[in-house]
Protein backbone atom coordinates (compact mmCIF):
# COMPACT_ATOMS: atom_id res chain seq x y z
CA PRO A 1 -73.36 22.89 -152.30
CA GLU A 2 -73.41 24.24 -148.76
CA PRO A 3 -70.84 26.99 -148.19
CA ILE A 4 -68.06 25.99 -145.81
CA PRO A 5 -68.25 27.81 -142.47
CA GLU A 6 -65.35 30.16 -141.83
CA VAL A 7 -64.33 30.81 -138.23
CA ARG A 8 -61.52 33.34 -138.10
CA HIS A 9 -59.64 34.79 -135.13
CA ILE A 10 -59.72 38.59 -135.46
CA THR A 11 -58.01 39.88 -132.32
CA THR A 12 -57.57 39.36 -128.60
CA ASP A 13 -58.71 42.12 -126.27
CA GLY A 14 -57.38 41.38 -122.79
CA SER A 15 -58.85 37.99 -121.89
CA THR A 16 -61.42 38.05 -124.73
CA HIS A 17 -60.68 36.26 -127.99
CA ILE A 18 -62.73 37.76 -130.82
CA TYR A 19 -63.69 35.74 -133.89
CA SER A 20 -65.74 36.27 -137.02
CA VAL A 21 -68.04 33.49 -138.21
CA SER A 22 -69.10 33.68 -141.84
CA ASN A 23 -70.69 31.60 -144.61
CA VAL A 24 -73.40 30.46 -142.20
CA SER A 25 -76.89 31.72 -141.36
CA THR A 26 -76.91 30.19 -137.87
CA LEU A 27 -74.09 30.17 -135.36
CA GLU A 28 -73.71 26.82 -133.60
CA LEU A 29 -71.62 26.87 -130.45
CA ALA A 30 -70.70 23.47 -129.02
CA LEU A 31 -69.11 22.96 -125.60
CA GLU A 32 -67.33 19.81 -124.47
CA LEU A 33 -65.81 19.23 -121.05
CA VAL A 34 -62.49 17.39 -121.15
CA GLY A 35 -61.33 18.26 -117.62
CA ASP A 36 -62.94 17.98 -114.20
CA GLU A 37 -65.26 20.99 -114.25
CA CYS A 38 -65.78 24.44 -115.68
CA TRP A 39 -68.20 27.24 -114.92
CA VAL A 40 -69.66 28.58 -118.16
CA GLN A 41 -71.72 31.63 -119.00
CA VAL A 42 -73.22 32.22 -122.46
CA ARG A 43 -74.71 35.54 -123.55
CA ARG A 44 -76.61 36.65 -126.62
CA GLY A 45 -74.76 39.10 -128.86
CA SER A 46 -72.00 40.31 -126.52
CA GLY A 47 -70.71 40.28 -122.95
CA SER A 48 -73.46 42.70 -121.94
CA GLY A 49 -76.20 40.77 -123.76
CA ALA A 50 -79.01 38.66 -122.36
CA LYS A 51 -77.84 35.58 -120.47
CA LEU A 52 -78.61 32.32 -122.29
CA ALA A 53 -76.94 29.93 -119.86
CA GLU A 54 -74.92 29.84 -116.67
CA ASN A 55 -73.88 26.42 -115.41
CA THR A 56 -71.03 24.41 -114.01
CA TYR A 57 -70.30 21.54 -116.37
CA ARG A 58 -68.46 18.37 -115.44
CA LYS A 59 -66.13 16.05 -117.33
CA GLY A 60 -67.77 14.37 -120.32
CA GLU A 61 -70.72 16.77 -120.47
CA THR A 62 -71.59 18.66 -123.64
CA ASP A 63 -73.96 21.44 -124.59
CA THR A 64 -74.89 23.27 -127.78
CA TRP A 65 -76.41 26.66 -128.53
CA GLU A 66 -77.80 27.73 -131.90
CA LEU A 67 -78.32 31.42 -132.57
CA GLU A 68 -79.06 33.60 -135.54
CA GLU A 69 -76.77 36.25 -134.07
CA SER A 70 -73.41 36.70 -132.37
CA VAL A 71 -72.62 34.95 -129.09
CA TYR A 72 -70.33 35.50 -126.10
CA ILE A 73 -69.07 32.74 -123.82
CA ARG A 74 -67.04 32.97 -120.60
CA LEU A 75 -65.14 29.94 -119.35
CA GLY A 76 -64.17 29.92 -115.67
CA PHE A 77 -61.54 27.18 -116.02
CA PRO A 78 -60.72 27.00 -119.74
CA ALA A 79 -58.26 24.11 -119.41
CA ALA A 80 -61.26 21.84 -118.76
CA ALA A 81 -63.24 22.92 -121.84
CA ARG A 82 -63.19 22.77 -125.61
CA LEU A 83 -65.31 24.72 -128.07
CA LYS A 84 -66.43 24.17 -131.64
CA VAL A 85 -68.21 26.73 -133.76
CA ASN A 86 -70.24 25.30 -136.65
CA GLY A 87 -68.20 22.12 -136.33
CA ILE A 88 -64.82 23.87 -136.43
CA PRO A 89 -62.64 23.36 -133.33
CA ILE A 90 -61.27 26.49 -131.67
CA ASP A 91 -57.47 26.46 -131.23
CA GLU A 92 -56.77 24.28 -128.19
CA SER A 93 -53.70 26.32 -127.22
CA LEU A 94 -56.06 29.10 -126.09
CA PHE A 95 -57.51 26.78 -123.44
CA SER A 96 -54.24 26.05 -121.64
CA GLY A 97 -54.70 28.64 -118.91
CA ARG A 98 -56.27 28.33 -115.49
CA ASN A 99 -57.74 31.84 -115.44
CA PRO A 100 -61.15 32.73 -116.90
CA ILE A 101 -61.25 33.64 -120.57
CA ASN A 102 -63.96 34.89 -122.91
CA PHE A 103 -64.79 34.26 -126.53
CA GLN A 104 -66.81 36.60 -128.71
CA PHE A 105 -68.07 34.94 -131.90
CA ASN A 106 -69.40 37.56 -134.30
CA LEU A 107 -71.83 36.26 -136.89
CA VAL A 108 -71.07 37.96 -140.20
CA ALA A 109 -74.04 38.24 -142.53
CA GLY A 110 -73.04 36.66 -145.81
CA GLU A 111 -74.21 37.53 -149.30
CA SER A 112 -77.46 35.79 -150.01
CA GLN A 113 -77.10 32.78 -152.28
CA GLY A 114 -78.88 33.43 -155.53
């Protein structure tokens, strides 16, 4: 059987919510816009990593990124957005604000299945 992905909130550092993602080999970040619009920036590894995407998304739009490493995402207007990581929704209460917030999803290497 496939291991169940575990997405766990570790800490919040200022406006950055830090999570660990384990029991998966690939991190899948899914964005859905539920409000009017939101500027989004996605970076490989961390907030100083290579930029994967920078767009303004509008209501009803979705996007997905698959990485074999950690990922950082900044949301300009979080109230308009929702995130899922490997199919697991991130706590909606974190998206209530109007000010930009960041999420750092750290991919934890699991024990190899054997």
